[in-house]
C-alpha atoms as a PDB file:
ATOM      1  CA  MET A   1       5.116  -5.649   7.993  1.00  0.00           C
ATOM      2  CA  ASN A   2       5.639  -8.141  10.856  1.00  0.00           C
ATOM      3  CA  PHE A   3       2.940  -8.654  13.725  1.00  0.00           C
ATOM      4  CA  ASP A   4       2.874 -10.501  16.840  1.00  0.00           C
ATOM      5  CA  ARG A   5      -0.808 -11.716  17.965  1.00  0.00           C
ATOM      6  CA  VAL A   6      -1.641 -10.530  21.560  1.00  0.00           C
ATOM      7  CA  LYS A   7      -4.537 -11.566  23.671  1.00  0.00           C
ATOM      8  CA  THR A   8      -6.310  -8.720  25.326  1.00  0.00           C
ATOM      9  CA  GLU A   9      -8.125  -8.337  28.723  1.00  0.00           C
ATOM     10  CA  ASP A  10     -11.443  -9.530  27.340  1.00  0.00           C
ATOM     11  CA  ASN A  11      -9.977 -12.321  25.554  1.00  0.00           C
ATOM     12  CA  SER A  12     -10.141 -10.935  21.967  1.00  0.00           C
ATOM     13  CA  PHE A  13      -6.746 -10.596  20.078  1.00  0.00           C
ATOM     14  CA  THR A  14      -4.994  -7.502  18.578  1.00  0.00           C
ATOM     15  CA  LEU A  15      -1.744  -7.180  16.913  1.00  0.00           C
ATOM     16  CA  TYR A  16       1.425  -5.513  17.707  1.00  0.00           C
ATOM     17  CA  SER A  17       3.222  -3.849  14.778  1.00  0.00           C
ATOM     18  CA  ASP A  18       6.952  -4.369  14.867  1.00  0.00           C
ATOM     19  CA  GLU A  19       7.330  -1.313  12.395  1.00  0.00           C
ATOM     20  CA  TYR A  20       5.163   1.302  14.521  1.00  0.00           C
ATOM     21  CA  LYS A  21       5.983  -0.390  17.961  1.00  0.00           C
ATOM     22  CA  GLN A  22       2.245  -0.071  18.855  1.00  0.00           C
ATOM     23  CA  HIS A  23      -0.793  -2.417  19.304  1.00  0.00           C
ATOM     24  CA  TYR A  24      -3.552  -1.984  16.853  1.00  0.00           C
ATOM     25  CA  HIS A  25      -6.270  -2.107  19.690  1.00  0.00           C
ATOM     26  CA  SER A  26      -6.151  -1.695  23.361  1.00  0.00           C
ATOM     27  CA  ILE A  27      -4.725  -4.227  25.091  1.00  0.00           C
ATOM     28  CA  HIS A  28      -7.356  -3.830  27.995  1.00  0.00           C
ATOM     29  CA  GLY A  29      -9.788  -5.389  25.529  1.00  0.00           C
ATOM     30  CA  ALA A  30      -9.849  -4.904  21.774  1.00  0.00           C
ATOM     31  CA  CYS A  31     -13.358  -5.965  20.977  1.00  0.00           C
ATOM     32  CA  THR A  32     -14.312  -3.801  24.266  1.00  0.00           C
ATOM     33  CA  GLU A  33     -12.633  -0.687  22.720  1.00  0.00           C
ATOM     34  CA  SER A  34     -13.765  -1.041  19.298  1.00  0.00           C
ATOM     35  CA  ARG A  35     -17.519  -1.302  20.436  1.00  0.00           C
ATOM     36  CA  HIS A  36     -17.270   1.640  22.728  1.00  0.00           C
ATOM     37  CA  ILE A  37     -15.596   4.080  20.332  1.00  0.00           C
ATOM     38  CA  PHE A  38     -16.826   3.093  16.906  1.00  0.00           C
ATOM     39  CA  ILE A  39     -20.252   1.463  17.494  1.00  0.00           C
ATOM     40  CA  ASP A  40     -21.602   2.932  20.449  1.00  0.00           C
ATOM     41  CA  LEU A  41     -20.197   6.468  20.037  1.00  0.00           C
ATOM     42  CA  GLY A  42     -19.971   6.374  15.960  1.00  0.00           C
ATOM     43  CA  LEU A  43     -22.527   4.165  14.283  1.00  0.00           C
ATOM     44  CA  LYS A  44     -25.372   4.593  16.736  1.00  0.00           C
ATOM     45  CA  SER A  45     -25.272   8.131  16.772  1.00  0.00           C
ATOM     46  CA  ILE A  46     -26.320   8.308  12.894  1.00  0.00           C
ATOM     47  CA  ASP A  47     -30.059   8.389  13.120  1.00  0.00           C
ATOM     48  CA  LYS A  48     -30.595   7.361   9.388  1.00  0.00           C
ATOM     49  CA  ASP A  49     -32.084   4.329   7.519  1.00  0.00           C
ATOM     50  CA  GLU A  50     -28.894   4.474   5.077  1.00  0.00           C
ATOM     51  CA  ILE A  51     -25.450   4.927   6.653  1.00  0.00           C
ATOM     52  CA  SER A  52     -22.326   5.526   4.903  1.00  0.00           C
ATOM     53  CA  VAL A  53     -19.008   4.670   6.961  1.00  0.00           C
ATOM     54  CA  LEU A  54     -15.719   5.293   6.018  1.00  0.00           C
ATOM     55  CA  GLU A  55     -12.891   3.703   8.181  1.00  0.00           C
ATOM     56  CA  VAL A  56      -9.341   5.277   7.679  1.00  0.00           C
ATOM     57  CA  GLY A  57      -7.290   2.326   9.015  1.00  0.00           C
ATOM     58  CA  PHE A  58      -8.963  -0.932   8.183  1.00  0.00           C
ATOM     59  CA  GLY A  59      -6.354  -2.815  10.170  1.00  0.00           C
ATOM     60  CA  THR A  60      -7.579  -6.228  11.321  1.00  0.00           C
ATOM     61  CA  GLY A  61     -11.146  -5.809  10.165  1.00  0.00           C
ATOM     62  CA  LEU A  62     -12.601  -5.714  13.698  1.00  0.00           C
ATOM     63  CA  ASN A  63     -14.455  -2.646  13.295  1.00  0.00           C
ATOM     64  CA  ALA A  64     -16.144  -3.649   9.927  1.00  0.00           C
ATOM     65  CA  ILE A  65     -16.872  -6.826  11.682  1.00  0.00           C
ATOM     66  CA  LEU A  66     -18.457  -5.356  14.709  1.00  0.00           C
ATOM     67  CA  THR A  67     -20.385  -2.904  12.347  1.00  0.00           C
ATOM     68  CA  TYR A  68     -21.811  -5.988  10.487  1.00  0.00           C
ATOM     69  CA  GLU A  69     -22.723  -7.774  13.734  1.00  0.00           C
ATOM     70  CA  GLU A  70     -24.510  -4.491  15.045  1.00  0.00           C
ATOM     71  CA  ASN A  71     -26.396  -4.057  11.865  1.00  0.00           C
ATOM     72  CA  ILE A  72     -27.983  -7.429  11.999  1.00  0.00           C
ATOM     73  CA  ILE A  73     -30.044  -5.707  15.166  1.00  0.00           C
ATOM     74  CA  GLN A  74     -30.432  -2.478  13.701  1.00  0.00           C
ATOM     75  CA  GLY A  75     -31.365  -3.354  10.175  1.00  0.00           C
ATOM     76  CA  LYS A  76     -30.400  -0.475   8.497  1.00  0.00           C
ATOM     77  CA  LYS A  77     -28.473  -0.213   4.945  1.00  0.00           C
ATOM     78  CA  ILE A  78     -24.803   0.378   5.274  1.00  0.00           C
ATOM     79  CA  PHE A  79     -21.968   1.216   2.950  1.00  0.00           C
ATOM     80  CA  TYR A  80     -18.694   0.257   4.403  1.00  0.00           C
ATOM     81  CA  HIS A  81     -15.748   1.805   3.008  1.00  0.00           C
ATOM     82  CA  GLY A  82     -12.449   0.763   4.627  1.00  0.00           C
ATOM     83  CA  ILE A  83      -8.910   1.922   3.459  1.00  0.00           C
ATOM     84  CA  ASP A  84      -5.567   0.832   4.466  1.00  0.00           C
ATOM     85  CA  VAL A  85      -2.128   1.579   2.857  1.00  0.00           C
ATOM     86  CA  ASN A  86      -0.619  -1.762   4.222  1.00  0.00           C
ATOM     87  CA  PRO A  87      -2.982  -4.424   4.993  1.00  0.00           C
ATOM     88  CA  VAL A  88      -2.284  -7.446   7.105  1.00  0.00           C
ATOM     89  CA  SER A  89      -2.384 -10.540   5.403  1.00  0.00           C
ATOM     90  CA  LYS A  90      -5.145 -13.153   4.841  1.00  0.00           C
ATOM     91  CA  GLU A  91      -3.152 -15.362   7.181  1.00  0.00           C
ATOM     92  CA  VAL A  92      -2.915 -12.575   9.920  1.00  0.00           C
ATOM     93  CA  PHE A  93      -6.306 -11.933   9.550  1.00  0.00           C
ATOM     94  CA  MET A  94      -7.809 -15.590   9.992  1.00  0.00           C
ATOM     95  CA  GLN A  95      -5.520 -15.828  13.201  1.00  0.00           C
ATOM     96  CA  MET A  96      -7.594 -13.306  15.148  1.00  0.00           C
ATOM     97  CA  GLU A  97     -10.635 -15.395  15.302  1.00  0.00           C
ATOM     98  CA  PHE A  98     -12.911 -12.572  14.802  1.00  0.00           C
ATOM     99  CA  GLU A  99     -15.595 -14.831  13.180  1.00  0.00           C
ATOM    100  CA  LYS A 100     -16.511 -15.545  16.720  1.00  0.00           C
ATOM    101  CA  PHE A 101     -18.292 -12.379  16.917  1.00  0.00           C
ATOM    102  CA  LEU A 102     -20.415 -13.182  13.996  1.00  0.00           C
ATOM    103  CA  SER A 103     -23.998 -14.354  15.172  1.00  0.00           C
ATOM    104  CA  ASP A 104     -25.102 -14.952  11.749  1.00  0.00           C
ATOM    105  CA  LYS A 105     -22.974 -18.042  10.890  1.00  0.00           C
ATOM    106  CA  LYS A 106     -24.281 -18.198   7.131  1.00  0.00           C
ATOM    107  CA  THR A 107     -21.888 -15.019   6.457  1.00  0.00           C
ATOM    108  CA  ASP A 108     -18.956 -16.047   4.657  1.00  0.00           C
ATOM    109  CA  PHE A 109     -16.251 -14.473   7.133  1.00  0.00           C
ATOM    110  CA  SER A 110     -13.707 -14.619   4.472  1.00  0.00           C
ATOM    111  CA  LEU A 111     -15.302 -11.959   2.569  1.00  0.00           C
ATOM    112  CA  PHE A 112     -14.262  -9.508   5.212  1.00  0.00           C
ATOM    113  CA  TYR A 113     -10.796 -10.024   4.073  1.00  0.00           C
ATOM    114  CA  ASP A 114     -10.905 -11.354   0.269  1.00  0.00           C
ATOM    115  CA  ASN A 115     -11.906  -9.064  -2.737  1.00  0.00           C
ATOM    116  CA  TRP A 116      -9.892  -5.903  -1.868  1.00  0.00           C
ATOM    117  CA  ASN A 117     -10.901  -3.202  -4.214  1.00  0.00           C
ATOM    118  CA  LEU A 118     -14.324  -4.549  -5.159  1.00  0.00           C
ATOM    119  CA  GLU A 119     -17.898  -3.860  -3.610  1.00  0.00           C
ATOM    120  CA  VAL A 120     -18.825  -7.222  -2.069  1.00  0.00           C
ATOM    121  CA  ASN A 121     -22.603  -7.477  -0.849  1.00  0.00           C
ATOM    122  CA  LEU A 122     -22.389  -9.400   2.734  1.00  0.00           C
ATOM    123  CA  ASN A 123     -26.141  -9.714   2.830  1.00  0.00           C
ATOM    124  CA  ASP A 124     -28.826  -7.246   1.445  1.00  0.00           C
ATOM    125  CA  LYS A 125     -28.105  -4.667   3.975  1.00  0.00           C
ATOM    126  CA  PHE A 126     -24.547  -4.343   4.005  1.00  0.00           C
ATOM    127  CA  VAL A 127     -22.114  -3.567   1.262  1.00  0.00           C
ATOM    128  CA  LEU A 128     -18.296  -3.723   1.871  1.00  0.00           C
ATOM    129  CA  LEU A 129     -15.661  -1.945  -0.144  1.00  0.00           C
ATOM    130  CA  LYS A 130     -11.991  -2.484   1.122  1.00  0.00           C
ATOM    131  CA  GLN A 131      -9.228  -0.331  -0.881  1.00  0.00           C
ATOM    132  CA  VAL A 132      -5.379  -0.592  -0.574  1.00  0.00           C
ATOM    133  CA  VAL A 133      -4.893   3.139  -0.856  1.00  0.00           C
ATOM    134  CA  ASP A 134      -2.995   6.167   1.084  1.00  0.00           C
ATOM    135  CA  LEU A 135      -5.154   8.472   2.530  1.00  0.00           C
ATOM    136  CA  GLN A 136      -3.435  11.282   1.010  1.00  0.00           C
ATOM    137  CA  LEU A 137      -3.942  10.041  -2.553  1.00  0.00           C
ATOM    138  CA  PHE A 138      -7.559   8.712  -1.548  1.00  0.00           C
ATOM    139  CA  THR A 139     -10.394  10.110  -3.789  1.00  0.00           C
ATOM    140  CA  THR A 140     -14.081   9.410  -4.051  1.00  0.00           C
ATOM    141  CA  GLU A 141     -17.460  10.998  -5.008  1.00  0.00           C
ATOM    142  CA  ARG A 142     -19.154   9.571  -1.911  1.00  0.00           C
ATOM    143  CA  LYS A 143     -19.849  11.647   1.099  1.00  0.00           C
ATOM    144  CA  TYR A 144     -19.919   9.806   4.353  1.00  0.00           C
ATOM    145  CA  ASP A 145     -22.080  10.017   7.603  1.00  0.00           C
ATOM    146  CA  VAL A 146     -19.451   8.623   9.840  1.00  0.00           C
ATOM    147  CA  ILE A 147     -15.567   8.328   9.736  1.00  0.00           C
ATOM    148  CA  TYR A 148     -14.008   5.760  11.927  1.00  0.00           C
ATOM    149  CA  PHE A 149     -10.436   7.155  12.530  1.00  0.00           C
ATOM    150  CA  ASP A 150      -8.088   4.174  13.605  1.00  0.00           C
ATOM    151  CA  ALA A 151      -4.608   5.400  12.208  1.00  0.00           C
ATOM    152  CA  PHE A 152      -1.647   4.550  14.659  1.00  0.00           C
ATOM    153  CA  SER A 153      -0.954   7.267  17.294  1.00  0.00           C
ATOM    154  CA  PRO A 154       0.201  10.889  16.371  1.00  0.00           C
ATOM    155  CA  GLU A 155       3.732   9.764  17.908  1.00  0.00           C
ATOM    156  CA  VAL A 156       4.254   7.608  14.664  1.00  0.00           C
ATOM    157  CA  GLN A 157       2.061   8.687  12.323  1.00  0.00           C
ATOM    158  CA  PRO A 158       1.802  12.437  12.909  1.00  0.00           C
ATOM    159  CA  GLU A 159       0.773  13.306   9.332  1.00  0.00           C
ATOM    160  CA  MET A 160      -2.416  11.377   9.894  1.00  0.00           C
ATOM    161  CA  TRP A 161      -3.466  13.711  12.867  1.00  0.00           C
ATOM    162  CA  SER A 162      -2.474  16.999  10.942  1.00  0.00           C
ATOM    163  CA  VAL A 163      -4.529  19.684   9.927  1.00  0.00           C
ATOM    164  CA  GLU A 164      -4.520  19.073   6.197  1.00  0.00           C
ATOM    165  CA  THR A 165      -5.714  15.469   6.741  1.00  0.00           C
ATOM    166  CA  PHE A 166      -8.682  16.308   9.032  1.00  0.00           C
ATOM    167  CA  LYS A 167      -9.506  19.199   6.426  1.00  0.00           C
ATOM    168  CA  LYS A 168      -9.378  16.535   3.751  1.00  0.00           C
ATOM    169  CA  LEU A 169     -11.648  14.027   6.145  1.00  0.00           C
ATOM    170  CA  SER A 170     -14.278  17.024   6.668  1.00  0.00           C
ATOM    171  CA  THR A 171     -14.554  17.294   2.786  1.00  0.00           C
ATOM    172  CA  LEU A 172     -15.706  13.518   2.729  1.00  0.00           C
ATOM    173  CA  LEU A 173     -18.285  14.046   5.431  1.00  0.00           C
ATOM    174  CA  LEU A 174     -21.899  15.119   4.741  1.00  0.00           C
ATOM    175  CA  THR A 175     -23.055  18.342   7.084  1.00  0.00           C
ATOM    176  CA  GLY A 176     -23.497  17.053  10.436  1.00  0.00           C
ATOM    177  CA  GLY A 177     -21.499  13.938   9.963  1.00  0.00           C
ATOM    178  CA  ILE A 178     -18.962  12.720  12.807  1.00  0.00           C
ATOM    179  CA  LEU A 179     -15.598  11.449  13.179  1.00  0.00           C
ATOM    180  CA  VAL A 180     -14.665   9.480  16.037  1.00  0.00           C
ATOM    181  CA  THR A 181     -11.281   8.377  17.100  1.00  0.00           C
ATOM    182  CA  TYR A 182      -9.553   6.774  20.274  1.00  0.00           C
ATOM    183  CA  CYS A 183      -6.957   9.557  20.399  1.00  0.00           C
ATOM    184  CA  SER A 184      -7.920  12.756  22.798  1.00  0.00           C
ATOM    185  CA  LYS A 185      -4.568  14.373  22.897  1.00  0.00           C
ATOM    186  CA  GLY A 186      -4.525  18.371  22.920  1.00  0.00           C
ATOM    187  CA  LEU A 187      -3.000  18.612  19.392  1.00  0.00           C
ATOM    188  CA  VAL A 188      -5.576  16.250  17.915  1.00  0.00           C
ATOM    189  CA  LYS A 189      -8.551  18.157  19.347  1.00  0.00           C
ATOM    190  CA  GLU A 190      -6.718  21.437  18.244  1.00  0.00           C
ATOM    191  CA  ASN A 191      -6.160  20.535  15.064  1.00  0.00           C
ATOM    192  CA  LEU A 192      -9.816  19.076  14.527  1.00  0.00           C
ATOM    193  CA  ARG A 193     -10.929  22.367  15.575  1.00  0.00           C
ATOM    194  CA  ASN A 194      -8.975  24.107  13.135  1.00  0.00           C
ATOM    195  CA  SER A 195     -10.350  21.903  10.442  1.00  0.00           C
ATOM    196  CA  GLY A 196     -13.815  22.835  10.910  1.00  0.00           C
ATOM    197  CA  PHE A 197     -15.040  20.331  13.692  1.00  0.00           C
ATOM    198  CA  ILE A 198     -16.724  20.630  16.633  1.00  0.00           C
ATOM    199  CA  VAL A 199     -15.245  18.576  18.974  1.00  0.00           C
ATOM    200  CA  LYS A 200     -16.505  16.737  22.298  1.00  0.00           C
ATOM    201  CA  ARG A 201     -14.651  14.519  24.640  1.00  0.00           C
ATOM    202  CA  PHE A 202     -16.491  11.136  26.233  1.00  0.00           C
ATOM    203  CA  PRO A 203     -15.428   8.890  28.746  1.00  0.00           C
ATOM    204  CA  GLY A 204     -13.034   6.230  26.958  1.00  0.00           C
ATOM    205  CA  PRO A 205     -13.065   2.314  27.115  1.00  0.00           C
ATOM    206  CA  PRO A 206     -11.182   0.606  29.887  1.00  0.00           C
ATOM    207  CA  GLY A 207      -7.474   1.824  30.001  1.00  0.00           C
ATOM    208  CA  LYS A 208      -8.548   5.128  28.352  1.00  0.00           C
ATOM    209  CA  ARG A 209      -9.612   8.162  30.137  1.00  0.00           C
ATOM    210  CA  HIS A 210     -11.213   9.923  27.182  1.00  0.00           C
ATOM    211  CA  VAL A 211     -12.079   9.513  23.375  1.00  0.00           C
ATOM    212  CA  LEU A 212     -13.291  12.067  20.700  1.00  0.00           C
ATOM    213  CA  ARG A 213     -16.198  12.438  18.469  1.00  0.00           C
ATOM    214  CA  ALA A 214     -15.984  15.522  16.000  1.00  0.00           C
ATOM    215  CA  THR A 215     -18.913  16.806  14.346  1.00  0.00           C
ATOM    216  CA  LYS A 216     -19.093  18.333  10.737  1.00  0.00           C
ATOM    217  CA  PHE A 217     -21.109  21.842  10.549  1.00  0.00           C
END
């Protein structure tokens, strides 16, 4: 796939996918959007000392980097599992300049991209596993506390937002676990509810009216 780097309104970068004709993050602020949805409404909602995160759509790695940085403060034990069917190249990844978000300069930033399909200990509190795999073929024995659902929109990836997909994701969550996503379209809410989730809307980041958090019971 071909990508164009785009500076967003908070001075962080995103990518524009020529294949899907969409940006990876909000042009109103890539970092602002990710923190609001995935960190504030996702990670911070889990009141446990050990947390398992599944990210569907690892993309540029921004959500993983921000989760790692937040955990420098929280000090929990996190297992972070990111999957993507078409990872960006390392050259593109390094152009995003996301290392500026890391306060711990001892961290080897390249580890957020290198060593796909291997578990990597970024520090004694954070394990990162990135896999190149289609969600439809993805299998694991692990259960997760939170799913960051960051696929491209339903307009270009309708199969990712289907009842069948959400039912599969439900089986990967622990009871009481949550799924957070940027998309609050009526069809998405309906499909989540039909997959056994309780769905709640929250105010979105700049440029987006609402986002969703869905809880498995």
